[in-house]
Amino acid sequence: MVAAENKEVHLINDWNQSVDIQLRIIRLATDETVHNESYTLSPESRQTAYNISSADTDGIESFDIIVTARNTTARDTFTNDACYGDIHVPVSSDGTFEGPHYGGIC
């Protein structure tokens, strides 16, 4: 396995109302918060919030992604493994939020 050169965190609002999203990313190797920001997404909009490569990792590492949106907080652990795509944080068209996810590409 190799580390991905770029792995972006995308905030997605497919709902017809604005959404406030709090995004915190913790690099587990150092227990350092590498990103902690709040965003307001307009209806039906997308925004790239962070690129994991800016954490200057040393090979494959794990990150905790903690997201709060629509009064729901979700947490998951992701790696910067090249076999997985970008991380998506979607609010669906009906306003539901289930947390961050990414898809496999290998």
Protein backbone atom coordinates (compact mmCIF):
# COMPACT_ATOMS: atom_id res chain seq x y z
CA MET A 1 0.00 0.00 0.00
CA VAL A 2 1.12 3.53 -0.73
CA ALA A 3 -0.03 6.88 0.60
CA ALA A 4 -2.21 9.07 -1.58
CA GLU A 5 -0.54 12.27 -2.74
CA ASN A 6 -3.84 14.12 -2.37
CA LYS A 7 -6.91 13.23 -0.37
CA GLU A 8 -9.43 16.01 -0.08
CA VAL A 9 -12.32 16.45 2.33
CA HIS A 10 -15.39 17.68 0.42
CA LEU A 11 -18.40 19.21 2.14
CA ILE A 12 -21.59 18.67 0.16
CA ASN A 13 -24.97 20.28 0.72
CA ASP A 14 -27.61 18.80 -1.57
CA TRP A 15 -30.41 20.22 0.61
CA ASN A 16 -32.45 23.29 -0.37
CA GLN A 17 -31.45 25.20 2.80
CA SER A 18 -28.14 26.50 4.16
CA VAL A 19 -26.25 24.16 6.47
CA ASP A 20 -23.67 24.87 9.17
CA ILE A 21 -20.91 22.26 9.35
CA GLN A 22 -18.17 21.98 11.96
CA LEU A 23 -15.19 19.92 10.72
CA ARG A 24 -12.34 18.72 12.93
CA ILE A 25 -9.52 16.47 11.69
CA ILE A 26 -7.07 14.79 14.08
CA ARG A 27 -3.82 13.21 12.87
CA LEU A 28 -3.65 10.08 15.02
CA ALA A 29 0.13 9.56 14.71
CA THR A 30 0.74 12.81 16.58
CA ASP A 31 -2.68 13.32 18.25
CA GLU A 32 -2.63 16.77 16.63
CA THR A 33 -5.69 18.63 15.41
CA VAL A 34 -4.67 19.52 11.87
CA HIS A 35 -7.94 21.22 10.93
CA ASN A 36 -10.77 22.73 12.96
CA GLU A 37 -13.13 25.03 11.07
CA SER A 38 -16.80 25.93 10.77
CA TYR A 39 -18.46 26.33 7.39
CA THR A 40 -21.83 27.57 6.20
CA LEU A 41 -22.79 25.94 2.92
CA SER A 42 -25.39 27.54 0.71
CA PRO A 43 -28.21 25.37 -0.62
CA GLU A 44 -27.06 22.81 -3.20
CA SER A 45 -23.36 23.69 -2.91
CA ARG A 46 -20.02 21.98 -2.47
CA GLN A 47 -16.75 23.07 -0.91
CA THR A 48 -13.33 21.49 -0.53
CA ALA A 49 -12.47 22.01 3.14
CA TYR A 50 -9.08 20.34 3.58
CA ASN A 51 -6.42 18.31 1.83
CA ILE A 52 -4.93 15.57 4.03
CA SER A 53 -1.56 15.94 2.23
CA SER A 54 -1.12 19.32 3.92
CA ALA A 55 -0.57 17.40 7.19
CA ASP A 56 2.88 16.43 5.77
CA THR A 57 2.43 12.75 6.57
CA ASP A 58 5.16 10.15 6.59
CA GLY A 59 3.60 7.35 4.56
CA ILE A 60 0.18 5.91 5.34
CA GLU A 61 -1.41 7.44 8.44
CA SER A 62 -4.83 7.50 10.06
CA PHE A 63 -7.00 10.52 10.73
CA ASP A 64 -10.14 10.96 12.81
CA ILE A 65 -12.76 13.06 11.06
CA ILE A 66 -15.32 14.59 13.43
CA VAL A 67 -18.22 16.40 11.79
CA THR A 68 -21.26 18.14 13.24
CA ALA A 69 -24.14 19.08 10.95
CA ARG A 70 -27.91 19.32 11.47
CA ASN A 71 -27.52 18.65 15.24
CA THR A 72 -25.76 15.35 14.54
CA THR A 73 -22.11 14.61 15.30
CA ALA A 74 -20.41 11.76 13.47
CA ARG A 75 -16.86 10.47 13.80
CA ASP A 76 -14.92 8.06 11.63
CA THR A 77 -11.30 7.10 11.06
CA PHE A 78 -9.76 7.27 7.59
CA THR A 79 -6.32 6.62 6.18
CA ASN A 80 -4.46 8.38 3.41
CA ASP A 81 -4.12 5.05 1.61
CA ALA A 82 -4.11 5.45 -2.19
CA CYS A 83 -6.76 2.69 -2.48
CA TYR A 84 -9.44 5.04 -1.21
CA GLY A 85 -10.84 8.17 -2.77
CA ASP A 86 -11.60 11.54 -1.28
CA ILE A 87 -13.64 11.93 1.90
CA HIS A 88 -17.19 13.21 1.41
CA VAL A 89 -19.31 14.89 4.07
CA PRO A 90 -22.81 15.03 2.54
CA VAL A 91 -26.08 16.54 3.66
CA SER A 92 -28.64 14.82 1.45
CA SER A 93 -31.43 16.46 -0.55
CA ASP A 94 -33.93 15.68 2.24
CA GLY A 95 -31.71 17.37 4.86
CA THR A 96 -30.40 14.20 6.53
CA PHE A 97 -26.78 13.89 7.63
CA GLU A 98 -25.20 10.50 8.36
CA GLY A 99 -21.53 11.38 8.59
CA PRO A 100 -18.38 11.28 6.49
CA HIS A 101 -17.57 8.48 4.03
CA TYR A 102 -15.21 7.59 1.23
CA GLY A 103 -15.25 5.05 -1.50
CA GLY A 104 -12.74 2.43 -2.51
CA ILE A 105 -11.02 2.66 -5.84
CA CYS A 106 -8.80 -0.43 -5.68
